[in-house]
Amino acid sequence: MSSPRIRRLILLRHGQTEWNAGDRMQGQFDTDLSALGRTQAKEAARELSTRKPRIVISSDLRRASDTAAELATAAGVGVTLDERLRETHLGDWQGLTHTDVDDGYPGVRVAWRRDATMAPPNGESRIDVANRSRPVVDELLEQDPAEWSQAPIVLVAHGGLIAALTASLLELPVDRWSILGGLANTSWVQLGAHGDGTVVDWRLDVWNASARVASDVL
């Protein structure tokens, strides 16, 4: 009897930016990696390249695509950019610090972190983010690259998107999406799709793994 087929998916968060270091909310603003972020990207690339990924898909925002480029170079593969993997659009909060948001919208940011259906003013909820990013994975299941069973596919994206996409794949009740905690810069999530075809059982293998212990989990 053959072993059950498992297709591994790794979701890698980008390296640190100066906005991360300053607790400033980036959303879809296109910020660059800091010097530390570039170092983190290289370290993550060295570690994940040992898994020999053959497909790397990234958000088109620079902090993600530059992180993905390090992995692609280390693994000897190309990178496909997909705007559906962009971070949550934070609407009126984009560019503000956490303190700015808490001063202007008392208690709202805490409630937003707990409730996946809430969106910042003129922004997206985590449900919205999951709905636009989930097709990236569904299309991969439909295409079913022959090498996927032998090597993981890596998506390089953003903390908010990775949490929303993971919760969607695991079919968590929406009121429990907040149980997935924050991801450190260049930490990753690994999931396994158990079964054949497009109807699979997604299981969480790893949450918030990193090439070294990180201290920037919010």
Protein backbone atom coordinates (compact mmCIF):
# COMPACT_ATOMS: atom_id res chain seq x y z
CA MET A 1 0.00 0.00 0.00
CA SER A 2 1.46 3.34 -1.03
CA SER A 3 2.00 6.17 1.47
CA PRO A 4 -0.48 9.07 1.44
CA ARG A 5 0.61 11.90 -0.83
CA ILE A 6 1.66 15.11 0.91
CA ARG A 7 2.36 18.44 -0.81
CA ARG A 8 4.26 20.90 1.41
CA LEU A 9 3.62 24.65 1.34
CA ILE A 10 5.94 27.12 3.08
CA LEU A 11 4.74 30.67 3.76
CA LEU A 12 7.71 32.96 4.46
CA ARG A 13 7.37 36.44 5.93
CA HIS A 14 9.64 39.17 4.54
CA GLY A 15 12.66 40.59 6.37
CA GLN A 16 12.57 43.57 8.68
CA THR A 17 11.97 47.09 7.37
CA GLU A 18 12.61 50.36 9.15
CA TRP A 19 8.85 50.65 9.51
CA ASN A 20 8.74 47.31 11.33
CA ALA A 21 11.47 48.53 13.66
CA GLY A 22 9.48 51.70 14.35
CA ASP A 23 6.11 49.95 14.88
CA ARG A 24 4.72 51.79 11.86
CA MET A 25 1.86 50.13 10.01
CA GLN A 26 2.89 49.45 6.40
CA GLY A 27 -0.05 47.69 4.85
CA GLN A 28 0.42 48.03 1.09
CA PHE A 29 2.95 50.88 1.26
CA ASP A 30 5.99 49.67 -0.68
CA THR A 31 8.82 49.84 1.84
CA ASP A 32 12.37 48.48 1.60
CA LEU A 33 14.25 46.00 3.75
CA SER A 34 16.49 47.45 6.43
CA ALA A 35 20.12 46.35 6.74
CA LEU A 36 18.99 43.83 9.36
CA GLY A 37 16.17 42.72 7.07
CA ARG A 38 18.62 41.97 4.27
CA THR A 39 20.72 39.90 6.67
CA GLN A 40 17.61 38.07 7.85
CA ALA A 41 16.63 37.33 4.26
CA LYS A 42 20.03 35.81 3.53
CA GLU A 43 19.88 33.66 6.67
CA ALA A 44 16.39 32.42 5.87
CA ALA A 45 17.46 31.74 2.28
CA ARG A 46 20.39 29.60 3.43
CA GLU A 47 18.10 27.56 5.66
CA LEU A 48 15.17 27.13 3.29
CA SER A 49 17.33 26.44 0.24
CA THR A 50 18.28 23.15 1.91
CA ARG A 51 14.65 22.09 1.33
CA LYS A 52 15.34 22.51 -2.41
CA PRO A 53 12.18 24.45 -3.34
CA ARG A 54 11.60 24.54 -7.10
CA ILE A 55 8.80 27.11 -7.12
CA VAL A 56 8.92 30.48 -5.34
CA ILE A 57 6.02 32.92 -5.61
CA SER A 58 6.14 36.33 -3.96
CA SER A 59 4.11 39.40 -3.20
CA ASP A 60 5.17 42.17 -5.57
CA LEU A 61 5.90 44.58 -2.70
CA ARG A 62 9.67 45.12 -2.49
CA ARG A 63 10.17 43.93 1.06
CA ALA A 64 8.74 40.55 0.05
CA SER A 65 10.17 40.30 -3.47
CA ASP A 66 13.68 41.20 -2.26
CA THR A 67 13.39 38.50 0.43
CA ALA A 68 12.22 36.05 -2.22
CA ALA A 69 15.12 36.98 -4.50
CA GLU A 70 17.59 35.87 -1.82
CA LEU A 71 15.89 32.49 -1.55
CA ALA A 72 15.65 32.10 -5.31
CA THR A 73 19.37 32.82 -5.70
CA ALA A 74 20.30 30.36 -2.95
CA ALA A 75 18.00 27.66 -4.38
CA GLY A 76 18.83 28.32 -8.04
CA VAL A 77 15.24 29.00 -9.12
CA GLY A 78 13.21 31.94 -10.39
CA VAL A 79 10.57 34.04 -8.65
CA THR A 80 7.03 34.69 -9.84
CA LEU A 81 5.41 37.88 -8.49
CA ASP A 82 1.71 37.90 -7.61
CA GLU A 83 -0.04 41.00 -6.30
CA ARG A 84 -2.67 38.82 -4.63
CA LEU A 85 -0.03 38.08 -1.98
CA ARG A 86 0.23 41.73 -0.91
CA GLU A 87 -0.24 42.60 2.74
CA THR A 88 -3.59 43.67 4.16
CA HIS A 89 -4.62 47.11 2.95
CA LEU A 90 -4.81 49.04 6.21
CA GLY A 91 -6.76 51.97 4.82
CA ASP A 92 -6.53 55.09 6.97
CA TRP A 93 -4.06 53.39 9.32
CA GLN A 94 -1.32 52.96 6.73
CA GLY A 95 1.72 55.02 7.68
CA LEU A 96 0.63 55.47 11.29
CA THR A 97 2.47 54.04 14.27
CA HIS A 98 0.70 51.69 16.66
CA THR A 99 0.57 54.56 19.15
CA ASP A 100 -0.97 56.88 16.54
CA VAL A 101 -3.72 54.35 15.85
CA ASP A 102 -4.39 53.72 19.53
CA ASP A 103 -4.61 57.46 20.20
CA GLY A 104 -6.91 58.12 17.25
CA TYR A 105 -9.02 54.99 17.53
CA PRO A 106 -8.97 53.94 21.21
CA GLY A 107 -9.41 50.20 21.65
CA VAL A 108 -10.10 49.57 17.97
CA ARG A 109 -6.71 48.03 17.06
CA VAL A 110 -7.01 45.48 19.88
CA ALA A 111 -10.53 44.58 18.76
CA TRP A 112 -9.35 44.36 15.13
CA ARG A 113 -6.64 41.86 16.05
CA ARG A 114 -9.26 39.66 17.69
CA ASP A 115 -11.95 39.91 14.99
CA ALA A 116 -11.12 38.69 11.46
CA THR A 117 -14.24 40.36 10.09
CA MET A 118 -13.17 43.86 11.16
CA ALA A 119 -11.35 46.18 8.76
CA PRO A 120 -9.52 49.46 9.41
CA PRO A 121 -11.37 52.47 7.99
CA ASN A 122 -11.20 52.17 4.16
CA GLY A 123 -9.13 48.99 4.48
CA GLU A 124 -9.45 45.20 4.28
CA SER A 125 -10.47 42.63 6.86
CA ARG A 126 -8.57 39.37 7.24
CA ILE A 127 -11.51 37.67 5.56
CA ASP A 128 -10.97 39.94 2.55
CA VAL A 129 -7.26 39.11 2.54
CA ALA A 130 -7.91 35.37 2.69
CA ASN A 131 -10.43 35.60 -0.14
CA ARG A 132 -7.97 37.30 -2.50
CA SER A 133 -4.95 35.14 -1.60
CA ARG A 134 -6.56 31.71 -1.32
CA PRO A 135 -6.93 31.35 -5.13
CA VAL A 136 -3.11 31.42 -5.43
CA VAL A 137 -2.97 28.13 -3.51
CA ASP A 138 -6.11 26.69 -5.12
CA GLU A 139 -4.60 27.29 -8.56
CA LEU A 140 -1.42 25.49 -7.51
CA LEU A 141 -3.51 22.50 -6.44
CA GLU A 142 -5.25 22.54 -9.82
CA GLN A 143 -1.97 22.77 -11.72
CA ASP A 144 -0.38 20.19 -9.40
CA PRO A 145 3.27 20.61 -10.46
CA ALA A 146 4.90 17.18 -10.70
CA GLU A 147 7.75 18.21 -8.41
CA TRP A 148 5.51 19.41 -5.58
CA SER A 149 5.46 16.02 -3.86
CA GLN A 150 9.28 16.00 -3.77
CA ALA A 151 9.96 19.63 -2.81
CA PRO A 152 7.97 22.40 -1.12
CA ILE A 153 6.49 25.40 -2.86
CA VAL A 154 7.35 28.67 -1.09
CA LEU A 155 5.12 31.75 -0.99
CA VAL A 156 6.88 34.89 0.27
CA ALA A 157 4.46 37.39 1.73
CA HIS A 158 3.48 39.33 4.85
CA GLY A 159 2.51 38.52 8.41
CA GLY A 160 -1.14 39.51 8.20
CA LEU A 161 -1.69 37.74 4.91
CA ILE A 162 0.08 34.57 6.05
CA ALA A 163 -2.07 34.35 9.18
CA ALA A 164 -5.28 34.90 7.19
CA LEU A 165 -4.33 32.44 4.46
CA THR A 166 -3.29 29.80 6.99
CA ALA A 167 -6.56 30.14 8.90
CA SER A 168 -8.49 29.80 5.65
CA LEU A 169 -6.59 26.71 4.52
CA LEU A 170 -7.05 25.06 7.92
CA GLU A 171 -10.76 25.95 7.81
CA LEU A 172 -10.63 27.46 11.28
CA PRO A 173 -13.87 28.99 12.56
CA VAL A 174 -13.66 32.72 11.85
CA ASP A 175 -14.04 33.55 15.53
CA ARG A 176 -10.86 31.51 16.20
CA TRP A 177 -8.58 33.04 13.55
CA SER A 178 -6.86 35.15 16.19
CA ILE A 179 -5.35 32.06 17.84
CA LEU A 180 -2.59 32.22 15.22
CA GLY A 181 -0.08 34.58 16.81
CA GLY A 182 2.27 37.06 15.19
CA LEU A 183 5.10 36.03 12.89
CA ALA A 184 8.64 37.33 13.28
CA ASN A 185 10.41 38.78 10.26
CA THR A 186 11.68 35.97 7.99
CA SER A 187 9.88 33.36 10.05
CA TRP A 188 7.82 30.83 8.19
CA VAL A 189 4.82 28.55 8.35
CA GLN A 190 4.71 25.07 6.84
CA LEU A 191 1.50 23.30 5.90
CA GLY A 192 0.89 19.94 4.27
CA ALA A 193 -1.86 19.15 1.77
CA HIS A 194 -2.78 15.52 2.41
CA GLY A 195 -4.52 13.76 -0.44
CA ASP A 196 -4.74 13.92 -4.22
CA GLY A 197 -6.39 16.44 -6.49
CA THR A 198 -7.86 19.69 -5.22
CA VAL A 199 -9.88 18.29 -2.31
CA VAL A 200 -7.23 17.94 0.38
CA ASP A 201 -6.83 17.97 4.13
CA TRP A 202 -4.53 20.85 5.07
CA ARG A 203 -2.52 20.32 8.25
CA LEU A 204 -0.26 22.74 10.10
CA ASP A 205 3.27 21.34 10.46
CA VAL A 206 5.20 24.40 11.65
CA TRP A 207 4.29 27.88 12.89
CA ASN A 208 6.80 30.74 13.30
CA ALA A 209 9.95 28.77 12.54
CA SER A 210 13.12 30.74 11.78
CA ALA A 211 16.77 30.39 10.94
CA ARG A 212 17.51 31.86 14.39
CA VAL A 213 15.43 32.81 17.39
CA ALA A 214 13.81 36.19 16.66
CA SER A 215 12.58 38.78 19.15
CA ASP A 216 10.23 40.84 16.98
CA VAL A 217 6.99 38.88 17.33
CA LEU A 218 4.23 41.31 18.29
